[in-house]
Amino acid sequence: MGFDVVATAYDRFMGQWSRPLAELVVERLDPHRGDRALDVGCGPGVLTAVLVERLGAEAVAAVDPSAPFVAAASARLPGVDVRRGRAEQLPFPDAHVDLAVANLVVHFMREPVGGLGEMARVTRAGGRVAATVWDHAGGTGPLATFWTVAREIDPSVTDESALAGARQGHLHELVTSAGLEDPVDDLLTVTRRFATFEDWWAPFELGVGPAGDHVATLSPADREALRDALRDRLGDGPFELGAAAWFVVGRVAG
């Protein structure tokens, strides 16, 4: 999976979408000063930064398996406790935080229920665990046009629609299976305006995530064919695209 990349590559590819989504998530959760929060799968610190704005650096911790992302988050957010580790084995003690959030991460966990269960373990009784996943299966995620055209060219292409939590109701099922109580669901939508087609396309060539992996495997001719087909679909720009993500928040029992 293409996430062992420099932070600026992630910023250009998914950060333009994940930052406004992170703002919606934190607005919805509405944490207050005095709360401690953990960002699970923090990447280069997009959601972490929004939590810091609300709670202060000393009240926020973060974890990610990618060494470049951990280094970037640490440098960008002094005072935040950023550690390297996987969601399924979080390097934090029991009941360490009041709120644990996995923004656009559950679908990449090796064991989603186990990862959510670990988030519950490090959250105090009565605290909250929240997660988001793009609506890849419903065709309203930020990569919907890319994957639609890629499949039209090559029907054997594997997109992200089968990933955990990417279809309606599945994230709710995972949260419930992890033992969290009273889960509440929502669909959060963000929009992004692109001045030109190249502004939209260029980040796909940076090797980030499954889409970046797919582009990297293509021959120069096939890559150009995909690029041209996408330009035909979207136009030269400017254009605006929307993206929706499933959101669930549950409470830790006790």
C-alpha atoms as a PDB file:
ATOM      1  CA  MET A   1       0.000   0.000   0.000  1.00  0.00           C
ATOM      2  CA  GLY A   2       1.455   3.350  -1.031  1.00  0.00           C
ATOM      3  CA  PHE A   3       1.698   5.264   2.235  1.00  0.00           C
ATOM      4  CA  ASP A   4       5.420   5.029   2.939  1.00  0.00           C
ATOM      5  CA  VAL A   5       5.911   8.277   1.037  1.00  0.00           C
ATOM      6  CA  VAL A   6       7.010  11.793   1.871  1.00  0.00           C
ATOM      7  CA  ALA A   7       4.400  13.839   3.687  1.00  0.00           C
ATOM      8  CA  THR A   8       4.161  16.435   0.922  1.00  0.00           C
ATOM      9  CA  ALA A   9       3.009  13.719  -1.489  1.00  0.00           C
ATOM     10  CA  TYR A  10       0.135  12.832   0.832  1.00  0.00           C
ATOM     11  CA  ASP A  11      -0.671  16.516   1.283  1.00  0.00           C
ATOM     12  CA  ARG A  12      -1.052  16.986  -2.453  1.00  0.00           C
ATOM     13  CA  PHE A  13      -2.958  13.761  -3.068  1.00  0.00           C
ATOM     14  CA  MET A  14      -5.355  13.227  -0.143  1.00  0.00           C
ATOM     15  CA  GLY A  15      -4.617  16.119   2.204  1.00  0.00           C
ATOM     16  CA  GLN A  16      -6.670  18.466   0.055  1.00  0.00           C
ATOM     17  CA  TRP A  17      -9.671  16.270   0.872  1.00  0.00           C
ATOM     18  CA  SER A  18      -8.832  15.055   4.367  1.00  0.00           C
ATOM     19  CA  ARG A  19      -8.292  18.520   5.876  1.00  0.00           C
ATOM     20  CA  PRO A  20     -11.866  19.777   5.274  1.00  0.00           C
ATOM     21  CA  LEU A  21     -13.178  16.367   6.308  1.00  0.00           C
ATOM     22  CA  ALA A  22     -11.121  16.527   9.523  1.00  0.00           C
ATOM     23  CA  GLU A  23     -12.655  19.912  10.293  1.00  0.00           C
ATOM     24  CA  LEU A  24     -16.150  18.461   9.872  1.00  0.00           C
ATOM     25  CA  VAL A  25     -15.291  15.471  12.079  1.00  0.00           C
ATOM     26  CA  VAL A  26     -13.942  17.599  14.911  1.00  0.00           C
ATOM     27  CA  GLU A  27     -16.862  20.004  14.600  1.00  0.00           C
ATOM     28  CA  ARG A  28     -19.253  17.064  14.883  1.00  0.00           C
ATOM     29  CA  LEU A  29     -17.406  15.568  17.883  1.00  0.00           C
ATOM     30  CA  ASP A  30     -17.031  18.992  19.543  1.00  0.00           C
ATOM     31  CA  PRO A  31     -14.280  18.095  22.050  1.00  0.00           C
ATOM     32  CA  HIS A  32     -13.626  20.577  24.850  1.00  0.00           C
ATOM     33  CA  ARG A  33     -10.532  21.871  26.606  1.00  0.00           C
ATOM     34  CA  GLY A  34      -9.581  19.357  29.234  1.00  0.00           C
ATOM     35  CA  ASP A  35     -10.289  16.384  26.964  1.00  0.00           C
ATOM     36  CA  ARG A  36      -7.418  14.197  25.786  1.00  0.00           C
ATOM     37  CA  ALA A  37      -7.582  12.922  22.207  1.00  0.00           C
ATOM     38  CA  LEU A  38      -5.763  10.322  20.103  1.00  0.00           C
ATOM     39  CA  ASP A  39      -5.481  10.422  16.310  1.00  0.00           C
ATOM     40  CA  VAL A  40      -5.087   6.842  15.064  1.00  0.00           C
ATOM     41  CA  GLY A  41      -3.462   6.542  11.638  1.00  0.00           C
ATOM     42  CA  CYS A  42      -2.536  10.207  11.810  1.00  0.00           C
ATOM     43  CA  GLY A  43      -0.579  10.366   8.558  1.00  0.00           C
ATOM     44  CA  PRO A  44       1.368  13.637   8.420  1.00  0.00           C
ATOM     45  CA  GLY A  45      -0.965  15.150  11.016  1.00  0.00           C
ATOM     46  CA  VAL A  46      -4.027  16.503   9.212  1.00  0.00           C
ATOM     47  CA  LEU A  47      -6.662  15.600  11.817  1.00  0.00           C
ATOM     48  CA  THR A  48      -4.065  15.939  14.565  1.00  0.00           C
ATOM     49  CA  ALA A  49      -3.626  19.607  13.706  1.00  0.00           C
ATOM     50  CA  VAL A  50      -7.370  20.262  13.959  1.00  0.00           C
ATOM     51  CA  LEU A  51      -7.467  18.542  17.353  1.00  0.00           C
ATOM     52  CA  VAL A  52      -4.529  20.668  18.500  1.00  0.00           C
ATOM     53  CA  GLU A  53      -6.420  23.809  17.498  1.00  0.00           C
ATOM     54  CA  ARG A  54      -9.275  22.718  19.763  1.00  0.00           C
ATOM     55  CA  LEU A  55      -7.451  21.104  22.690  1.00  0.00           C
ATOM     56  CA  GLY A  56      -3.822  22.236  22.655  1.00  0.00           C
ATOM     57  CA  ALA A  57      -0.777  20.154  21.745  1.00  0.00           C
ATOM     58  CA  GLU A  58      -0.282  18.767  25.241  1.00  0.00           C
ATOM     59  CA  ALA A  59      -3.738  17.153  25.129  1.00  0.00           C
ATOM     60  CA  VAL A  60      -3.272  15.355  21.787  1.00  0.00           C
ATOM     61  CA  ALA A  61      -1.486  12.117  20.905  1.00  0.00           C
ATOM     62  CA  ALA A  62      -1.086  10.485  17.496  1.00  0.00           C
ATOM     63  CA  VAL A  63       0.113   7.215  16.015  1.00  0.00           C
ATOM     64  CA  ASP A  64       0.897   5.955  12.505  1.00  0.00           C
ATOM     65  CA  PRO A  65       2.813   2.975  11.041  1.00  0.00           C
ATOM     66  CA  SER A  66       4.614   5.114   8.431  1.00  0.00           C
ATOM     67  CA  ALA A  67       7.990   6.463   9.591  1.00  0.00           C
ATOM     68  CA  PRO A  68       7.925   9.439   7.165  1.00  0.00           C
ATOM     69  CA  PHE A  69       4.454  10.406   8.377  1.00  0.00           C
ATOM     70  CA  VAL A  70       5.439  10.134  12.049  1.00  0.00           C
ATOM     71  CA  ALA A  71       8.458  12.339  11.398  1.00  0.00           C
ATOM     72  CA  ALA A  72       6.357  14.899   9.545  1.00  0.00           C
ATOM     73  CA  ALA A  73       3.617  15.023  12.192  1.00  0.00           C
ATOM     74  CA  SER A  74       6.212  15.420  14.945  1.00  0.00           C
ATOM     75  CA  ALA A  75       7.932  18.271  13.113  1.00  0.00           C
ATOM     76  CA  ARG A  76       4.711  20.047  12.198  1.00  0.00           C
ATOM     77  CA  LEU A  77       3.086  19.742  15.619  1.00  0.00           C
ATOM     78  CA  PRO A  78       5.595  20.302  18.434  1.00  0.00           C
ATOM     79  CA  GLY A  79       4.360  19.118  21.802  1.00  0.00           C
ATOM     80  CA  VAL A  80       2.111  16.377  20.414  1.00  0.00           C
ATOM     81  CA  ASP A  81       2.938  12.833  21.558  1.00  0.00           C
ATOM     82  CA  VAL A  82       3.445  11.202  18.136  1.00  0.00           C
ATOM     83  CA  ARG A  83       4.435   7.539  18.090  1.00  0.00           C
ATOM     84  CA  ARG A  84       4.976   4.887  15.446  1.00  0.00           C
ATOM     85  CA  GLY A  85       2.634   1.924  15.661  1.00  0.00           C
ATOM     86  CA  ARG A  86      -0.375   0.142  14.184  1.00  0.00           C
ATOM     87  CA  ALA A  87      -3.996   0.549  15.170  1.00  0.00           C
ATOM     88  CA  GLU A  88      -4.210  -3.130  16.082  1.00  0.00           C
ATOM     89  CA  GLN A  89      -1.528  -2.711  18.761  1.00  0.00           C
ATOM     90  CA  LEU A  90      -1.603   0.858  20.002  1.00  0.00           C
ATOM     91  CA  PRO A  91       1.432   1.934  22.071  1.00  0.00           C
ATOM     92  CA  PHE A  92      -0.682   3.579  24.770  1.00  0.00           C
ATOM     93  CA  PRO A  93      -2.041   2.373  28.127  1.00  0.00           C
ATOM     94  CA  ASP A  94      -5.658   1.583  28.959  1.00  0.00           C
ATOM     95  CA  ALA A  95      -8.068   4.512  29.428  1.00  0.00           C
ATOM     96  CA  HIS A  96      -5.409   6.979  28.227  1.00  0.00           C
ATOM     97  CA  VAL A  97      -7.719   9.388  26.359  1.00  0.00           C
ATOM     98  CA  ASP A  98     -11.283  10.683  26.295  1.00  0.00           C
ATOM     99  CA  LEU A  99     -11.595  10.504  22.520  1.00  0.00           C
ATOM    100  CA  ALA A 100      -9.964   8.324  19.846  1.00  0.00           C
ATOM    101  CA  VAL A 101     -10.465   9.077  16.153  1.00  0.00           C
ATOM    102  CA  ALA A 102      -9.460   7.199  13.004  1.00  0.00           C
ATOM    103  CA  ASN A 103     -10.017   9.521  10.050  1.00  0.00           C
ATOM    104  CA  LEU A 104      -9.848   7.635   6.728  1.00  0.00           C
ATOM    105  CA  VAL A 105      -7.961   4.730   8.315  1.00  0.00           C
ATOM    106  CA  VAL A 106     -10.276   1.811   9.151  1.00  0.00           C
ATOM    107  CA  HIS A 107     -10.380   0.584   5.540  1.00  0.00           C
ATOM    108  CA  PHE A 108      -6.585   0.158   5.608  1.00  0.00           C
ATOM    109  CA  MET A 109      -6.396  -1.648   8.966  1.00  0.00           C
ATOM    110  CA  ARG A 110      -5.280  -5.269   8.777  1.00  0.00           C
ATOM    111  CA  GLU A 111      -7.936  -6.129  11.381  1.00  0.00           C
ATOM    112  CA  PRO A 112     -10.575  -3.379  11.484  1.00  0.00           C
ATOM    113  CA  VAL A 113     -12.517  -4.775  14.441  1.00  0.00           C
ATOM    114  CA  GLY A 114      -9.274  -5.343  16.327  1.00  0.00           C
ATOM    115  CA  GLY A 115      -8.107  -1.821  15.564  1.00  0.00           C
ATOM    116  CA  LEU A 116     -11.375  -0.295  16.719  1.00  0.00           C
ATOM    117  CA  GLY A 117     -11.220  -2.501  19.804  1.00  0.00           C
ATOM    118  CA  GLU A 118      -7.755  -1.167  20.573  1.00  0.00           C
ATOM    119  CA  MET A 119      -9.071   2.366  20.206  1.00  0.00           C
ATOM    120  CA  ALA A 120     -11.750   1.490  22.762  1.00  0.00           C
ATOM    121  CA  ARG A 121      -9.127   0.004  25.098  1.00  0.00           C
ATOM    122  CA  VAL A 122      -7.087   3.208  25.233  1.00  0.00           C
ATOM    123  CA  THR A 123     -10.231   5.329  25.715  1.00  0.00           C
ATOM    124  CA  ARG A 124     -11.754   5.793  29.158  1.00  0.00           C
ATOM    125  CA  ALA A 125     -15.133   4.298  30.057  1.00  0.00           C
ATOM    126  CA  GLY A 126     -17.815   6.572  28.685  1.00  0.00           C
ATOM    127  CA  GLY A 127     -15.372   8.126  26.228  1.00  0.00           C
ATOM    128  CA  ARG A 128     -15.900   8.132  22.470  1.00  0.00           C
ATOM    129  CA  VAL A 129     -14.371   6.320  19.509  1.00  0.00           C
ATOM    130  CA  ALA A 130     -15.021   7.759  16.044  1.00  0.00           C
ATOM    131  CA  ALA A 131     -14.085   6.747  12.511  1.00  0.00           C
ATOM    132  CA  THR A 132     -14.599   7.801   8.912  1.00  0.00           C
ATOM    133  CA  VAL A 133     -14.228   5.974   5.595  1.00  0.00           C
ATOM    134  CA  TRP A 134     -14.830   7.410   2.142  1.00  0.00           C
ATOM    135  CA  ASP A 135     -17.990   6.136   0.434  1.00  0.00           C
ATOM    136  CA  HIS A 136     -16.032   4.203  -2.173  1.00  0.00           C
ATOM    137  CA  ALA A 137     -18.754   1.574  -2.652  1.00  0.00           C
ATOM    138  CA  GLY A 138     -21.465   4.178  -3.170  1.00  0.00           C
ATOM    139  CA  GLY A 139     -19.430   6.004  -5.774  1.00  0.00           C
ATOM    140  CA  THR A 140     -19.353   9.333  -3.943  1.00  0.00           C
ATOM    141  CA  GLY A 141     -15.779   9.236  -2.611  1.00  0.00           C
ATOM    142  CA  PRO A 142     -13.082  11.585  -3.916  1.00  0.00           C
ATOM    143  CA  LEU A 143     -11.626   8.907  -6.195  1.00  0.00           C
ATOM    144  CA  ALA A 144     -14.904   7.821  -7.794  1.00  0.00           C
ATOM    145  CA  THR A 145     -14.181   9.291 -11.232  1.00  0.00           C
ATOM    146  CA  PHE A 146     -10.657   7.893 -11.257  1.00  0.00           C
ATOM    147  CA  TRP A 147     -11.753   4.333 -10.458  1.00  0.00           C
ATOM    148  CA  THR A 148     -14.768   4.446 -12.791  1.00  0.00           C
ATOM    149  CA  VAL A 149     -12.620   5.368 -15.776  1.00  0.00           C
ATOM    150  CA  ALA A 150      -9.829   2.954 -14.769  1.00  0.00           C
ATOM    151  CA  ARG A 151     -12.376   0.084 -14.723  1.00  0.00           C
ATOM    152  CA  GLU A 152     -13.828   1.141 -18.063  1.00  0.00           C
ATOM    153  CA  ILE A 153     -10.358   0.811 -19.578  1.00  0.00           C
ATOM    154  CA  ASP A 154      -9.522  -2.398 -17.697  1.00  0.00           C
ATOM    155  CA  PRO A 155     -12.448  -4.263 -16.057  1.00  0.00           C
ATOM    156  CA  SER A 156      -9.973  -6.362 -14.040  1.00  0.00           C
ATOM    157  CA  VAL A 157      -8.853  -3.317 -12.030  1.00  0.00           C
ATOM    158  CA  THR A 158      -9.452  -3.664  -8.287  1.00  0.00           C
ATOM    159  CA  ASP A 159     -10.750  -0.438  -6.820  1.00  0.00           C
ATOM    160  CA  GLU A 160     -11.393   0.478  -3.165  1.00  0.00           C
ATOM    161  CA  SER A 161     -15.110  -0.325  -2.997  1.00  0.00           C
ATOM    162  CA  ALA A 162     -14.613  -3.643  -1.176  1.00  0.00           C
ATOM    163  CA  LEU A 163     -12.477  -2.194   1.609  1.00  0.00           C
ATOM    164  CA  ALA A 164     -13.732  -2.280   5.189  1.00  0.00           C
ATOM    165  CA  GLY A 165     -16.266   0.412   6.011  1.00  0.00           C
ATOM    166  CA  ALA A 166     -16.533   1.707   2.450  1.00  0.00           C
ATOM    167  CA  ARG A 167     -20.155   0.638   1.943  1.00  0.00           C
ATOM    168  CA  GLN A 168     -23.254   1.944   3.683  1.00  0.00           C
ATOM    169  CA  GLY A 169     -23.741   0.441   7.136  1.00  0.00           C
ATOM    170  CA  HIS A 170     -20.492  -1.502   7.249  1.00  0.00           C
ATOM    171  CA  LEU A 171     -18.587   0.956   9.431  1.00  0.00           C
ATOM    172  CA  HIS A 172     -21.497   0.801  11.885  1.00  0.00           C
ATOM    173  CA  GLU A 173     -21.218  -3.005  11.901  1.00  0.00           C
ATOM    174  CA  LEU A 174     -17.480  -2.846  12.592  1.00  0.00           C
ATOM    175  CA  VAL A 175     -17.902  -0.377  15.454  1.00  0.00           C
ATOM    176  CA  THR A 176     -20.608  -2.549  16.994  1.00  0.00           C
ATOM    177  CA  SER A 177     -18.490  -5.686  16.615  1.00  0.00           C
ATOM    178  CA  ALA A 178     -15.676  -3.902  18.453  1.00  0.00           C
ATOM    179  CA  GLY A 179     -17.974  -3.559  21.477  1.00  0.00           C
ATOM    180  CA  LEU A 180     -18.735   0.148  21.235  1.00  0.00           C
ATOM    181  CA  GLU A 181     -22.163   1.257  22.407  1.00  0.00           C
ATOM    182  CA  ASP A 182     -24.835   3.542  20.961  1.00  0.00           C
ATOM    183  CA  PRO A 183     -23.159   4.120  17.579  1.00  0.00           C
ATOM    184  CA  VAL A 184     -24.380   7.158  15.673  1.00  0.00           C
ATOM    185  CA  ASP A 185     -23.952   7.362  11.891  1.00  0.00           C
ATOM    186  CA  ASP A 186     -23.702  10.229   9.452  1.00  0.00           C
ATOM    187  CA  LEU A 187     -22.525  10.981   5.921  1.00  0.00           C
ATOM    188  CA  LEU A 188     -20.120  13.919   5.774  1.00  0.00           C
ATOM    189  CA  THR A 189     -19.549  15.728   2.470  1.00  0.00           C
ATOM    190  CA  VAL A 190     -16.770  18.064   1.363  1.00  0.00           C
ATOM    191  CA  THR A 191     -16.066  19.803  -1.937  1.00  0.00           C
ATOM    192  CA  ARG A 192     -12.888  20.803  -3.733  1.00  0.00           C
ATOM    193  CA  ARG A 193     -12.413  23.148  -6.677  1.00  0.00           C
ATOM    194  CA  PHE A 194      -9.671  22.450  -9.235  1.00  0.00           C
ATOM    195  CA  ALA A 195      -8.412  25.237 -11.475  1.00  0.00           C
ATOM    196  CA  THR A 196      -7.178  22.836 -14.160  1.00  0.00           C
ATOM    197  CA  PHE A 197      -7.270  19.148 -14.983  1.00  0.00           C
ATOM    198  CA  GLU A 198      -3.538  18.952 -14.288  1.00  0.00           C
ATOM    199  CA  ASP A 199      -4.086  20.221 -10.739  1.00  0.00           C
ATOM    200  CA  TRP A 200      -6.381  17.242 -10.191  1.00  0.00           C
ATOM    201  CA  TRP A 201      -4.333  14.635 -12.073  1.00  0.00           C
ATOM    202  CA  ALA A 202      -0.745  15.354 -10.990  1.00  0.00           C
ATOM    203  CA  PRO A 203      -1.099  13.974  -7.412  1.00  0.00           C
ATOM    204  CA  PHE A 204      -2.107  10.565  -8.807  1.00  0.00           C
ATOM    205  CA  GLU A 205       1.459  10.212 -10.101  1.00  0.00           C
ATOM    206  CA  LEU A 206       2.967  10.543  -6.610  1.00  0.00           C
ATOM    207  CA  GLY A 207       2.427   6.889  -5.633  1.00  0.00           C
ATOM    208  CA  VAL A 208       0.069   7.528  -2.707  1.00  0.00           C
ATOM    209  CA  GLY A 209      -2.526   4.906  -1.714  1.00  0.00           C
ATOM    210  CA  PRO A 210      -4.157   2.277  -3.940  1.00  0.00           C
ATOM    211  CA  ALA A 211      -4.832   4.768  -6.739  1.00  0.00           C
ATOM    212  CA  GLY A 212      -1.214   5.880  -6.767  1.00  0.00           C
ATOM    213  CA  ASP A 213      -0.128   2.256  -6.736  1.00  0.00           C
ATOM    214  CA  HIS A 214      -2.333   1.559  -9.743  1.00  0.00           C
ATOM    215  CA  VAL A 215      -0.924   4.468 -11.749  1.00  0.00           C
ATOM    216  CA  ALA A 216       2.616   3.397 -10.874  1.00  0.00           C
ATOM    217  CA  THR A 217       2.035  -0.089 -12.320  1.00  0.00           C
ATOM    218  CA  LEU A 218       0.915   1.218 -15.715  1.00  0.00           C
ATOM    219  CA  SER A 219       3.190   1.437 -18.726  1.00  0.00           C
ATOM    220  CA  PRO A 220       3.795   4.980 -20.022  1.00  0.00           C
ATOM    221  CA  ALA A 221       1.330   4.374 -22.844  1.00  0.00           C
ATOM    222  CA  ASP A 222      -1.374   2.989 -20.558  1.00  0.00           C
ATOM    223  CA  ARG A 223      -0.839   5.815 -18.084  1.00  0.00           C
ATOM    224  CA  GLU A 224      -1.290   8.348 -20.864  1.00  0.00           C
ATOM    225  CA  ALA A 225      -4.433   6.562 -22.053  1.00  0.00           C
ATOM    226  CA  LEU A 226      -5.906   6.711 -18.554  1.00  0.00           C
ATOM    227  CA  ARG A 227      -4.962  10.365 -18.192  1.00  0.00           C
ATOM    228  CA  ASP A 228      -6.538  11.252 -21.550  1.00  0.00           C
ATOM    229  CA  ALA A 229      -9.737   9.357 -20.744  1.00  0.00           C
ATOM    230  CA  LEU A 230     -10.027  11.162 -17.420  1.00  0.00           C
ATOM    231  CA  ARG A 231      -9.456  14.525 -19.113  1.00  0.00           C
ATOM    232  CA  ASP A 232     -12.244  13.701 -21.553  1.00  0.00           C
ATOM    233  CA  ARG A 233     -14.532  12.920 -18.593  1.00  0.00           C
ATOM    234  CA  LEU A 234     -13.676  15.941 -16.452  1.00  0.00           C
ATOM    235  CA  GLY A 235     -12.664  18.570 -18.992  1.00  0.00           C
ATOM    236  CA  ASP A 236      -9.749  20.992 -18.810  1.00  0.00           C
ATOM    237  CA  GLY A 237     -11.152  22.844 -15.811  1.00  0.00           C
ATOM    238  CA  PRO A 238     -12.008  24.630 -13.749  1.00  0.00           C
ATOM    239  CA  PHE A 239     -14.352  22.124 -12.128  1.00  0.00           C
ATOM    240  CA  GLU A 240     -15.623  21.256  -8.670  1.00  0.00           C
ATOM    241  CA  LEU A 241     -15.897  17.771  -7.184  1.00  0.00           C
ATOM    242  CA  GLY A 242     -17.616  16.563  -4.040  1.00  0.00           C
ATOM    243  CA  ALA A 243     -16.676  13.665  -1.779  1.00  0.00           C
ATOM    244  CA  ALA A 244     -18.652  11.893   0.935  1.00  0.00           C
ATOM    245  CA  ALA A 245     -17.431   9.804   3.861  1.00  0.00           C
ATOM    246  CA  TRP A 246     -19.221   7.539   6.273  1.00  0.00           C
ATOM    247  CA  PHE A 247     -18.872   8.681   9.886  1.00  0.00           C
ATOM    248  CA  VAL A 248     -19.641   6.676  13.029  1.00  0.00           C
ATOM    249  CA  VAL A 249     -19.054   7.511  16.684  1.00  0.00           C
ATOM    250  CA  GLY A 250     -19.669   5.106  19.564  1.00  0.00           C
ATOM    251  CA  ARG A 251     -19.152   5.113  23.324  1.00  0.00           C
ATOM    252  CA  VAL A 252     -16.854   2.921  25.362  1.00  0.00           C
ATOM    253  CA  ALA A 253     -18.767   0.677  27.761  1.00  0.00           C
ATOM    254  CA  GLY A 254     -18.454   1.107  31.505  1.00  0.00           C
END
